[in-house]
Amino acid sequence: MVVELGAAFLPANLGLTLEVREGHASYVPSWIKVLKNDKRANFKTSSNAQRAADFLYRFHAKNSAAA
C-alpha cells in the first residue's frame, strides 16, 4: 500500500506522467483485508508513503541542483 500511496503523492510534484496499469486493481482485496484487521494500517502506511515521498523529493532536488 505504501507504493500505491506514494504513486499518488509524487507525480504532480516531480513532473511525472501517470500510467494506468491493470495490475494495480489486483492489490485492492488484500489491502481491504489489511485495513479491516488493523484500524491503524491506513495511518501507518500513509506515514511510510509520505516518508518515502519526502526522500524522493530531497533526492530529486539535490540532483536537479547539481545539474
Protein backbone atom coordinates (compact mmCIF):
# COMPACT_ATOMS: atom_id res chain seq x y z
CA MET A 1 0.00 0.00 0.00
CA VAL A 2 2.97 2.31 0.57
CA VAL A 3 3.87 2.12 -3.12
CA GLU A 4 0.33 2.87 -4.26
CA LEU A 5 0.06 5.87 -1.94
CA GLY A 6 3.49 7.12 -2.96
CA ALA A 7 2.45 6.85 -6.59
CA ALA A 8 -0.44 9.14 -5.75
CA PHE A 9 1.76 11.65 -3.87
CA LEU A 10 4.68 12.02 -6.27
CA PRO A 11 3.67 12.64 -9.90
CA ALA A 12 2.50 16.23 -9.77
CA ASN A 13 5.37 17.45 -7.59
CA LEU A 14 8.07 15.73 -9.62
CA GLY A 15 6.54 16.36 -13.03
CA LEU A 16 5.94 12.67 -13.69
CA THR A 17 3.25 11.34 -16.01
CA LEU A 18 0.87 8.76 -14.57
CA GLU A 19 0.48 5.47 -16.38
CA VAL A 20 -2.53 3.34 -15.57
CA ARG A 21 -1.64 -0.32 -15.19
CA GLU A 22 -4.09 -3.16 -14.93
CA GLY A 23 -2.16 -4.88 -12.15
CA HIS A 24 -2.95 -2.18 -9.59
CA ALA A 25 -6.54 -3.35 -9.11
CA SER A 26 -5.40 -6.83 -8.10
CA TYR A 27 -3.99 -5.42 -4.83
CA VAL A 28 -7.32 -3.98 -3.63
CA PRO A 29 -8.77 -7.11 -1.97
CA SER A 30 -5.63 -7.74 0.08
CA TRP A 31 -5.47 -4.12 1.23
CA ILE A 32 -9.14 -4.15 2.20
CA LYS A 33 -8.40 -7.18 4.37
CA VAL A 34 -5.44 -5.42 5.99
CA LEU A 35 -7.47 -2.27 6.66
CA LYS A 36 -10.32 -4.26 8.20
CA ASN A 37 -7.94 -6.15 10.51
CA ASP A 38 -5.81 -3.19 11.58
CA LYS A 39 -7.57 0.09 12.31
CA ARG A 40 -4.26 1.97 12.20
CA ALA A 41 -2.94 0.41 8.97
CA ASN A 42 -4.03 3.39 6.88
CA PHE A 43 -2.17 5.81 9.16
CA LYS A 44 0.94 3.62 9.28
CA THR A 45 1.13 3.13 5.54
CA SER A 46 0.31 6.77 4.80
CA SER A 47 3.11 7.84 7.10
CA ASN A 48 5.57 5.46 5.45
CA ALA A 49 4.48 6.58 1.99
CA GLN A 50 4.99 10.22 2.95
CA ARG A 51 8.47 9.48 4.31
CA ALA A 52 9.36 7.68 1.08
CA ALA A 53 7.96 10.56 -1.00
CA ASP A 54 9.91 13.10 1.10
CA PHE A 55 13.10 11.11 0.50
CA LEU A 56 12.46 11.15 -3.26
CA TYR A 57 11.70 14.88 -3.20
CA ARG A 58 15.03 15.55 -1.47
CA PHE A 59 16.87 13.24 -3.87
CA HIS A 60 15.24 14.96 -6.87
CA ALA A 61 16.03 18.45 -5.52
CA LYS A 62 19.66 17.51 -4.83
CA ASN A 63 20.16 16.05 -8.29
CA SER A 64 18.32 18.91 -10.00
CA ALA A 65 20.52 21.47 -8.27
CA ALA A 66 23.67 19.60 -9.27
CA ALA A 67 22.72 19.54 -12.94
